[in-house]
Protein backbone atom coordinates (compact mmCIF):
# COMPACT_ATOMS: atom_id res chain seq x y z
CA MET A 1 94.65 146.34 78.60
CA THR A 2 91.56 145.09 80.51
CA PHE A 3 91.70 144.25 84.22
CA ARG A 4 91.12 140.57 83.43
CA ALA A 5 94.06 140.51 81.00
CA LEU A 6 96.25 142.25 83.58
CA ALA A 7 95.34 139.67 86.22
CA LYS A 8 96.14 136.84 83.83
CA CYS A 9 99.46 138.47 82.96
CA ALA A 10 100.35 138.74 86.65
CA GLU A 11 99.50 135.09 87.21
CA ASN A 12 101.75 133.97 84.35
CA SER A 13 104.66 136.30 85.12
CA ILE A 14 105.73 135.06 88.56
CA GLU A 15 109.14 134.01 87.26
CA HIS A 16 109.78 137.33 85.49
CA LEU A 17 108.53 139.95 87.94
CA ALA A 18 109.20 140.39 91.63
CA VAL A 19 106.26 138.96 93.56
CA THR A 20 106.03 142.16 95.59
CA GLU A 21 105.51 144.15 92.37
CA ILE A 22 102.65 141.85 91.42
CA ILE A 23 101.11 142.25 94.88
CA ASP A 24 101.33 146.05 94.68
CA GLY A 25 99.71 146.02 91.26
CA LEU A 26 96.85 143.75 92.33
CA GLU A 27 96.21 145.75 95.50
CA GLY A 28 95.99 148.88 93.34
CA ILE A 29 93.44 147.21 91.05
CA LEU A 30 91.24 146.23 94.01
CA ARG A 31 91.22 149.81 95.31
CA ARG A 32 89.47 150.96 92.15
CA SER A 33 85.76 151.41 92.64
CA ASN A 34 84.71 150.22 89.16
CA VAL A 35 86.03 146.64 89.47
CA ASN A 36 83.12 144.26 89.02
CA VAL A 37 82.43 141.40 91.45
CA GLU A 38 83.46 138.64 89.06
CA LEU A 39 86.78 140.28 88.25
CA SER A 40 87.56 141.20 91.86
CA SER A 41 87.03 137.55 92.83
CA ALA A 42 89.70 136.44 90.35
CA ILE A 43 92.11 139.14 91.54
CA TYR A 44 91.53 138.27 95.22
CA ASN A 45 92.30 134.66 94.40
CA ILE A 46 95.59 135.54 92.69
CA LEU A 47 96.53 137.97 95.45
CA ILE A 48 96.05 135.30 98.12
CA LEU A 49 98.45 133.03 96.24
CA MET A 50 100.96 135.86 95.81
CA TYR A 51 101.04 136.49 99.55
CA GLY A 52 101.67 132.79 99.97
CA GLN A 53 104.70 133.15 97.67
CA VAL A 54 106.30 135.56 100.15
CA ASN A 55 105.29 133.50 103.21
CA ASP A 56 102.87 136.20 104.39
CA PHE A 57 99.89 134.31 105.78
CA GLU A 58 98.51 137.28 107.72
CA ASN A 59 97.98 139.36 104.57
CA ALA A 60 96.71 136.29 102.71
CA ILE A 61 94.00 135.66 105.31
CA ARG A 62 93.19 139.40 105.39
CA THR A 63 92.72 139.33 101.64
CA TYR A 64 90.57 136.20 101.84
CA LYS A 65 88.30 137.70 104.50
CA GLY A 66 88.03 140.95 102.57
CA SER A 67 86.84 139.22 99.40
CA LYS A 68 83.44 140.53 98.35
CA SER A 69 82.43 137.25 96.76
CA ALA A 70 84.12 134.29 98.43
CA ASP A 71 83.96 131.11 96.37
CA PRO A 72 85.42 127.57 96.38
CA CYS A 73 88.52 128.77 94.50
CA SER A 74 89.28 131.37 97.16
CA LEU A 75 88.84 128.80 99.93
CA ALA A 76 91.15 126.37 98.13
CA SER A 77 93.68 129.17 97.62
CA ILE A 78 93.86 130.22 101.27
CA LEU A 79 94.09 126.60 102.38
CA TYR A 80 96.84 126.03 99.82
CA VAL A 81 98.71 128.97 101.31
CA SER A 82 98.17 127.57 104.82
CA SER A 83 99.91 124.38 103.67
CA THR A 84 102.85 126.08 101.92
CA VAL A 85 103.87 128.81 104.37
CA SER A 86 106.47 127.96 106.98
CA PRO A 87 105.43 126.88 109.52
CA ALA A 88 102.25 125.47 108.03
CA ARG A 89 99.12 127.02 109.56
CA TYR A 90 97.24 123.82 110.22
CA GLU A 91 95.02 125.24 112.98
CA ASP A 92 93.85 128.07 110.75
CA ALA A 93 93.25 125.53 107.97
CA ILE A 94 91.05 123.40 110.24
CA ILE A 95 89.02 126.40 111.38
CA LEU A 96 88.56 127.66 107.82
CA LEU A 97 87.41 124.25 106.68
CA HIS A 98 84.97 123.79 109.54
CA THR A 99 83.44 127.27 109.35
CA SER A 100 83.28 127.84 105.61
CA ASP A 101 79.89 127.86 103.93
CA ILE A 102 81.15 128.26 100.38
CA VAL A 103 81.28 124.64 99.35
CA PRO A 104 79.75 123.86 95.97
CA GLY A 105 76.28 122.34 96.18
CA ALA A 106 76.56 122.25 99.98
CA ARG A 107 74.37 119.75 101.79
CA GLY A 108 75.80 119.77 105.28
CA ARG A 109 79.35 118.42 105.24
CA ALA A 110 78.73 115.99 102.42
CA MET A 111 80.05 118.14 99.59
CA ILE A 112 83.13 119.87 101.00
CA ASP A 113 85.47 121.06 98.27
CA SER A 114 88.01 118.36 97.37
CA LYS A 115 91.00 120.66 96.86
CA ALA A 116 90.28 122.60 100.03
CA LEU A 117 90.12 119.40 102.07
CA SER A 118 93.35 118.08 100.53
CA TYR A 119 95.29 121.27 101.32
CA ALA A 120 94.04 121.30 104.91
CA ILE A 121 95.20 117.71 105.39
CA ILE A 122 98.61 118.54 103.90
CA ALA A 123 98.93 121.50 106.30
CA CYS A 124 98.32 119.16 109.25
CA ALA A 125 100.79 116.60 107.91
CA LYS A 126 103.54 119.18 107.45
CA GLU A 127 103.35 120.04 111.15
CA ASN A 128 103.29 116.33 112.13
CA GLU A 129 99.67 116.56 113.29
CA TRP A 130 98.63 113.24 111.77
CA GLU A 131 95.68 112.82 114.13
CA GLU A 132 94.18 116.15 113.09
CA GLY A 133 94.71 115.30 109.44
CA LEU A 134 93.16 111.88 109.88
CA ASN A 135 90.17 113.42 111.64
CA LEU A 136 89.57 115.72 108.66
CA LEU A 137 89.89 112.77 106.30
CA GLU A 138 87.37 110.73 108.28
CA LEU A 139 84.95 113.62 108.74
CA TYR A 140 84.78 114.95 105.20
CA SER A 141 85.84 112.08 102.95
CA GLY A 142 85.08 108.37 102.66
CA SER A 143 81.33 107.81 102.79
CA SER A 144 80.65 111.52 102.15
CA GLY A 145 81.72 111.20 98.55
CA THR A 146 84.48 113.83 98.59
CA ARG A 147 87.71 112.54 97.12
CA VAL A 148 91.01 113.84 98.36
CA THR A 149 94.15 113.94 96.26
CA VAL A 150 96.73 111.18 96.47
CA ASP A 151 99.25 113.83 97.58
CA ALA A 152 97.15 114.56 100.66
CA ILE A 153 97.03 110.92 101.77
CA ASN A 154 100.71 110.46 100.91
CA SER A 155 101.55 113.41 103.16
CA LEU A 156 99.51 111.87 105.94
CA ILE A 157 101.25 108.50 105.54
CA ALA A 158 104.68 110.16 105.66
CA CYS A 159 103.63 112.18 108.71
CA ALA A 160 102.47 109.05 110.55
CA GLY A 161 105.81 107.41 109.79
CA ARG A 162 107.78 110.39 111.12
CA SER A 163 105.63 110.37 114.24
CA GLY A 164 106.41 106.75 115.03
CA ARG A 165 103.06 105.35 113.84
CA PRO A 166 103.89 103.04 110.92
CA ASP A 167 100.72 101.10 111.75
CA ILE A 168 98.65 104.15 110.79
CA ALA A 169 100.74 104.61 107.63
CA ILE A 170 100.10 101.02 106.48
CA SER A 171 96.42 101.15 107.46
CA LEU A 172 95.91 104.25 105.32
CA LEU A 173 97.62 102.61 102.36
CA ASN A 174 95.44 99.52 102.74
CA VAL A 175 92.11 101.41 102.71
CA MET A 176 92.83 104.48 100.60
CA GLU A 177 91.40 102.97 97.42
CA SER A 178 88.41 101.13 98.89
CA LYS A 179 87.43 103.76 101.45
CA TYR A 180 88.67 107.04 99.97
CA SER A 181 88.53 106.21 96.23
CA THR A 182 92.17 107.26 95.81
CA LYS A 183 94.60 104.91 94.13
CA PRO A 184 98.07 104.51 95.70
CA ASN A 185 101.06 105.54 93.61
CA SER A 186 104.81 104.96 93.91
CA ARG A 187 105.20 107.71 96.47
CA THR A 188 102.50 106.11 98.64
CA TYR A 189 104.44 102.87 98.90
CA ARG A 190 107.73 104.71 99.32
CA SER A 191 106.37 106.68 102.29
CA ALA A 192 104.99 103.53 103.91
CA ILE A 193 108.28 101.62 103.42
CA ILE A 194 110.23 104.55 104.88
CA ALA A 195 107.87 104.44 107.88
CA CYS A 196 108.63 100.73 108.35
CA ASN A 197 112.36 101.43 108.12
CA GLN A 198 112.14 104.18 110.75
CA ALA A 199 110.12 101.91 113.03
CA GLU A 200 112.61 99.03 112.70
CA HIS A 201 115.52 101.28 113.63
CA GLN A 202 113.58 102.73 116.56
CA THR A 203 112.68 99.27 117.81
CA ARG A 204 116.33 98.15 117.72
CA ARG A 205 117.45 101.30 119.55
CA GLN A 206 114.91 100.64 122.27
CA MET A 207 116.06 97.04 122.59
CA THR A 208 119.70 98.14 122.85
CA ALA A 209 118.86 100.76 125.47
CA ALA A 210 116.85 98.25 127.50
CA SER A 211 119.71 95.77 127.43
CA SER A 212 122.33 98.34 128.43
CA GLU A 213 120.27 99.78 131.28
CA ASP A 214 119.65 96.43 132.90
CA ASN A 215 121.93 93.52 132.07
CA SER A 216 119.47 91.12 133.64
CA SER A 217 116.59 92.31 131.47
CA ARG A 218 115.35 90.12 128.67
CA VAL A 219 113.79 91.74 125.64
CA SER A 220 110.93 89.57 124.47
CA GLY A 221 110.92 88.35 120.88
CA LEU A 222 109.14 90.63 118.48
CA GLY A 223 105.93 89.21 117.14
CA PHE A 224 105.76 91.73 114.31
CA GLN A 225 108.83 92.67 112.33
CA TRP A 226 108.84 95.99 110.50
CA TRP A 227 111.55 94.84 108.12
CA GLU A 228 109.21 92.07 106.99
CA ALA A 229 106.47 94.64 106.46
CA ALA A 230 108.86 96.73 104.32
CA LEU A 231 109.69 93.76 102.10
CA SER A 232 106.01 92.83 101.85
CA LEU A 233 105.14 96.35 100.70
CA LEU A 234 107.97 96.20 98.17
CA ARG A 235 106.46 93.01 96.69
CA ARG A 236 102.96 94.49 96.66
CA MET A 237 104.23 97.57 94.92
CA LYS A 238 105.69 95.56 92.07
CA GLU A 239 102.56 93.40 91.82
CA CYS A 240 100.56 96.61 91.31
CA GLY A 241 102.79 97.52 88.37
CA LEU A 242 104.57 100.32 90.23
CA TYR A 243 108.32 100.73 90.02
CA PRO A 244 110.30 101.44 93.21
CA ASP A 245 112.78 104.28 93.07
CA ILE A 246 116.22 104.31 94.65
CA GLN A 247 114.96 105.71 97.98
CA THR A 248 112.33 102.98 98.26
CA PHE A 249 114.91 100.24 97.69
CA SER A 250 117.45 101.80 100.06
CA SER A 251 114.80 102.12 102.80
CA ALA A 252 113.87 98.44 102.47
CA ILE A 253 117.56 97.45 102.62
CA SER A 254 118.08 99.72 105.62
CA ALA A 255 115.19 98.06 107.47
CA CYS A 256 116.84 94.68 106.89
CA GLU A 257 120.15 96.13 108.08
CA ALA A 258 118.62 97.35 111.35
CA ALA A 259 117.39 93.82 112.03
CA GLY A 260 120.66 92.18 110.98
CA GLN A 261 118.94 90.39 108.11
CA TRP A 262 121.94 90.41 105.80
CA GLN A 263 120.62 87.70 103.46
CA ARG A 264 117.46 89.73 102.81
CA ALA A 265 119.44 92.95 102.37
CA ILE A 266 121.66 91.35 99.73
CA GLY A 267 118.56 89.82 98.14
CA VAL A 268 116.97 93.24 97.64
CA LEU A 269 120.25 94.55 96.24
CA ARG A 270 120.36 91.72 93.70
CA GLN A 271 116.71 92.27 92.88
CA MET A 272 117.52 95.84 91.87
CA ASN A 273 119.99 94.59 89.27
CA ALA A 274 117.67 91.82 88.10
CA ASP A 275 114.71 94.16 87.62
CA ASN A 276 116.94 96.68 85.87
CA VAL A 277 114.76 99.47 87.27
CA CYS A 278 117.45 101.49 89.03
CA THR A 279 121.10 100.98 89.85
CA PRO A 280 122.10 100.55 93.52
CA ASN A 281 123.75 103.68 94.89
CA LEU A 282 126.12 104.28 97.80
CA TYR A 283 123.33 104.25 100.39
CA CYS A 284 122.04 100.87 99.21
CA PHE A 285 125.51 99.31 99.33
CA ASN A 286 126.30 100.85 102.72
CA ALA A 287 123.07 99.53 104.24
CA ALA A 288 123.81 96.04 102.89
CA LEU A 289 127.39 96.22 104.19
CA ALA A 290 126.13 97.25 107.64
CA ALA A 291 123.70 94.29 107.56
CA CYS A 292 126.58 91.91 106.80
CA GLU A 293 128.60 93.45 109.61
CA LYS A 294 125.78 92.91 112.11
CA GLY A 295 125.20 89.38 110.83
CA GLY A 296 128.88 88.41 110.96
CA ALA A 297 128.94 87.75 107.19
CA TRP A 298 132.45 89.04 106.56
CA LEU A 299 132.98 87.17 103.28
CA GLU A 300 129.77 88.58 101.81
CA ALA A 301 130.81 92.04 103.05
CA VAL A 302 134.09 91.78 101.12
CA GLU A 303 132.22 90.69 97.99
CA LEU A 304 129.84 93.64 98.33
CA TYR A 305 132.76 96.02 98.75
CA GLU A 306 134.34 94.70 95.56
CA ARG A 307 131.00 94.92 93.75
CA MET A 308 130.74 98.58 94.66
CA GLU A 309 133.93 99.44 92.84
CA SER A 310 133.07 97.31 89.80
CA ALA A 311 129.63 98.98 89.66
CA GLY A 312 131.25 102.41 89.60
CA VAL A 313 130.14 103.31 93.13
CA THR A 314 132.95 104.86 95.18
CA PRO A 315 133.03 103.59 98.78
CA ASN A 316 133.09 106.19 101.53
CA PHE A 317 134.16 106.25 105.17
CA ILE A 318 130.98 104.44 106.27
CA SER A 319 131.55 101.65 103.74
CA VAL A 320 135.08 100.98 104.94
CA ASN A 321 134.11 101.26 108.59
CA SER A 322 131.40 98.59 108.29
CA LEU A 323 133.73 96.26 106.39
CA LEU A 324 136.55 96.65 108.90
CA ILE A 325 134.22 95.88 111.81
CA ALA A 326 133.06 92.71 110.07
CA LEU A 327 136.66 91.64 109.37
CA GLU A 328 137.85 92.45 112.89
CA GLN A 329 135.03 90.41 114.41
CA ALA A 330 136.03 87.48 112.17
CA CYS A 331 139.73 87.88 113.14
CA GLN A 332 140.64 88.61 109.51
CA MET A 333 143.22 91.16 110.58
CA GLU A 334 145.62 90.89 107.64
CA LEU A 335 142.83 91.53 105.13
CA ALA A 336 141.42 94.33 107.28
CA GLU A 337 144.78 96.09 107.45
CA HIS A 338 145.23 95.77 103.68
CA ILE A 339 141.81 97.29 103.01
CA TYR A 340 142.54 100.09 105.48
CA ARG A 341 145.83 101.00 103.80
CA GLU A 342 144.18 100.99 100.37
CA ALA A 343 141.42 103.26 101.66
CA VAL A 344 144.02 105.67 103.02
CA LYS A 345 145.83 105.71 99.65
CA LYS A 346 142.55 106.50 97.90
CA ARG A 347 141.82 109.18 100.52
CA ILE A 348 138.59 107.49 101.52
CA ILE A 349 140.04 107.60 105.02
CA GLN A 350 142.12 110.59 106.05
CA PRO A 351 143.27 109.88 109.59
CA TRP A 352 145.73 112.76 109.96
CA LYS A 353 144.80 116.37 110.55
CA TRP A 354 146.55 119.54 111.64
CA THR A 355 145.44 120.84 115.00
CA THR A 356 146.55 123.14 117.78
CA CYS A 357 148.38 121.68 120.73
CA ILE A 358 149.39 123.47 123.93
CA GLU A 359 152.76 122.48 125.34
CA GLU A 360 154.49 124.31 128.16
CA ARG A 361 151.91 127.11 127.91
CA GLN A 362 152.67 127.61 124.24
CA SER A 363 150.39 126.66 121.37
CA ARG A 364 151.72 125.19 118.16
CA ARG A 365 150.44 123.32 115.14
CA ILE A 366 150.91 119.54 115.14
CA ARG A 367 149.72 116.52 113.17
CA ALA A 368 147.31 114.32 115.10
CA MET A 369 145.36 111.16 114.34
CA ASP A 370 141.67 111.96 114.26
CA LEU A 371 139.91 108.79 115.43
CA HIS A 372 136.78 110.18 117.01
CA PHE A 373 134.58 109.22 114.03
CA CYS A 374 136.09 105.73 113.84
CA SER A 375 134.76 102.48 115.20
CA VAL A 376 136.92 100.70 117.74
CA ALA A 377 137.93 98.24 115.00
CA MET A 378 139.11 100.98 112.64
CA ALA A 379 140.93 102.82 115.45
CA LYS A 380 142.90 99.67 116.30
CA ILE A 381 143.84 99.08 112.67
CA ALA A 382 144.90 102.72 112.27
CA LEU A 383 147.17 102.45 115.31
CA ARG A 384 148.68 99.19 114.07
CA ASN A 385 149.40 100.94 110.78
CA VAL A 386 151.24 103.74 112.58
CA MET A 387 153.28 101.34 114.70
CA TYR A 388 154.14 99.24 111.65
CA SER A 389 155.41 102.35 109.87
CA LEU A 390 157.75 103.11 112.78
CA PHE A 391 159.34 99.67 112.53
CA THR A 392 159.72 99.79 108.74
CA ARG A 393 161.50 103.15 108.94
CA SER A 394 158.84 104.85 106.86
CA PRO A 395 157.23 106.62 109.78
CA LEU A 396 153.92 108.40 109.39
CA LEU A 397 154.97 110.59 112.31
CA ASP A 398 158.21 112.48 112.91
CA LEU A 399 159.09 111.44 116.46
CA SER A 400 161.89 113.97 116.62
CA LYS A 401 159.33 116.76 116.69
CA GLN A 402 156.26 115.63 118.59
CA ASP A 403 154.37 113.04 120.59
CA LEU A 404 151.69 110.85 119.05
CA VAL A 405 148.41 112.65 119.73
CA LEU A 406 145.13 110.78 119.19
CA ILE A 407 141.81 112.63 118.94
CA VAL A 408 139.23 110.26 120.42
CA GLY A 409 136.53 112.63 121.71
CA LYS A 410 135.05 113.06 125.17
CA GLY A 411 132.07 110.79 124.60
CA ASN A 412 129.57 113.64 124.19
CA ARG A 413 127.91 111.82 121.26
CA SER A 414 127.84 108.43 122.97
CA GLN A 415 124.87 107.00 124.82
CA ASN A 416 124.56 108.67 128.24
CA ASN A 417 127.70 110.68 127.29
CA VAL A 418 129.91 107.78 128.33
CA PRO A 419 133.16 107.58 126.30
CA ILE A 420 133.49 104.36 124.30
CA LEU A 421 136.49 104.86 122.06
CA LEU A 422 138.77 106.48 124.64
CA PRO A 423 139.00 103.56 127.12
CA GLU A 424 139.19 101.00 124.31
CA VAL A 425 142.15 102.78 122.68
CA GLN A 426 143.90 103.10 126.04
CA LYS A 427 143.41 99.42 126.72
CA PHE A 428 144.58 98.39 123.23
CA VAL A 429 147.81 100.44 123.31
CA SER A 430 148.63 99.22 126.80
CA GLN A 431 148.00 95.52 126.10
CA GLU A 432 149.26 95.34 122.51
CA TYR A 433 152.41 97.45 122.83
CA GLY A 434 152.96 97.91 126.55
CA LEU A 435 153.09 101.67 126.12
CA ASN A 436 151.86 104.29 128.53
CA ILE A 437 149.04 106.35 127.04
CA ALA A 438 147.29 109.09 128.96
CA ARG A 439 144.66 111.77 128.44
CA ASP A 440 145.97 115.12 127.32
CA GLU A 441 145.65 117.47 130.28
CA THR A 442 144.96 120.39 127.98
CA ASN A 443 142.21 118.56 126.08
CA LEU A 444 140.38 115.64 127.66
CA GLY A 445 139.19 114.45 124.25
CA ARG A 446 142.74 113.54 123.28
CA LEU A 447 145.21 110.80 124.21
CA ARG A 448 148.95 111.19 124.08
CA ILE A 449 151.87 108.75 123.75
CA ARG A 450 155.20 110.39 124.53
CA ARG A 451 157.72 110.37 121.68
CA GLU A 452 160.44 109.18 124.08
CA ASP A 453 158.38 106.07 124.86
CA LEU A 454 157.79 105.39 121.17
CA LEU A 455 161.48 105.77 120.29
CA GLN A 456 162.48 103.44 123.10
CA TYR A 457 159.88 100.88 122.01
CA CYS A 458 161.19 100.91 118.44
CA GLN A 459 164.78 100.41 119.59
CA GLU A 460 164.00 97.39 121.78
């Protein structure tokens, strides 16, 4: 077997041989003195990629620098490795690109290798260095005539979105065809719409934080709405003959949800069915339900919930939570309690859990209500359900054996670590039932109602 055939065999056998065995074989070939320059170049190139397979950038760069006849393929290979290892070696990629003199037909920086440039940009994007990636794009592409791959620009758009710069993401999409001669594809639009969704959520979080920190503060009206940008991109995408996937639709719906634009969220959901491109999934329905909750559209929320089941989408905890908040805000308590009980029967909600409780310096296993993932609305409904069961003599809790213990959390996941659920539950039990409820001295994330108090309340 010739050396060239052996190299080709190694390249095609990655799935069948251990990569380390291929590396050892190629290193052995290169140590032979009679390997010609052309063949050694091909083997160096494969070896660089093999070291990338095992996340070994140091040996990959050693192999690249030791190549007797560096060429554009070797440069592209080492830059590909710099973009695939973890973490991506974006700084090394930039240096390699700037200092390499092995570009085909080089005339200054005008003819930098297209693949090499694309991989270097992807390496920057993977490490959220969008400015470095954009600098490379501006320096070596555009007017220079070097075209980068659509994957490289898509990575840069996604990176800008993750870094809180949706403006950069949209700007790149707008000029990538005219300036960089690269046509956007479905992933391009998806990345830009995701960036808009992330920006809308971030904007709303900032507005909420500003309002909570200073009650007298007034958040000025937003001149530019990222949810509108997401819907605009969705329209443009379809006009270009591109079909949104499920993640693109769900991101657009989620952007509307963050802004409380429930009509628009439902509109996108209906559009999915009308276009018959993809079927709404759980995330799409949950985002639309959350939008209805924020917009006070309780009737539409109920209709969406029913549509989920008819569409074969099983609601989850988040679905029920959003619906119950909407119903509680609209004072539709009877319907809310019915939906809660049905969700418990279907095990969508499982409020009871076994936990360890310390009483009189002894630990024992008890059943407790786990409410710390619940909204205040769901927690109130769950407690009403328990109290109702005590009166109907079908108790969910055996009061002859234990107190009613409620797991509400210490507020560690709340803003500024201030408990939200705990004081609300205490207030509700005290006002609604006149019962004494106190924090468990052995666990400050729990509340306890004494069984004696519950038995007396039921007898009155």
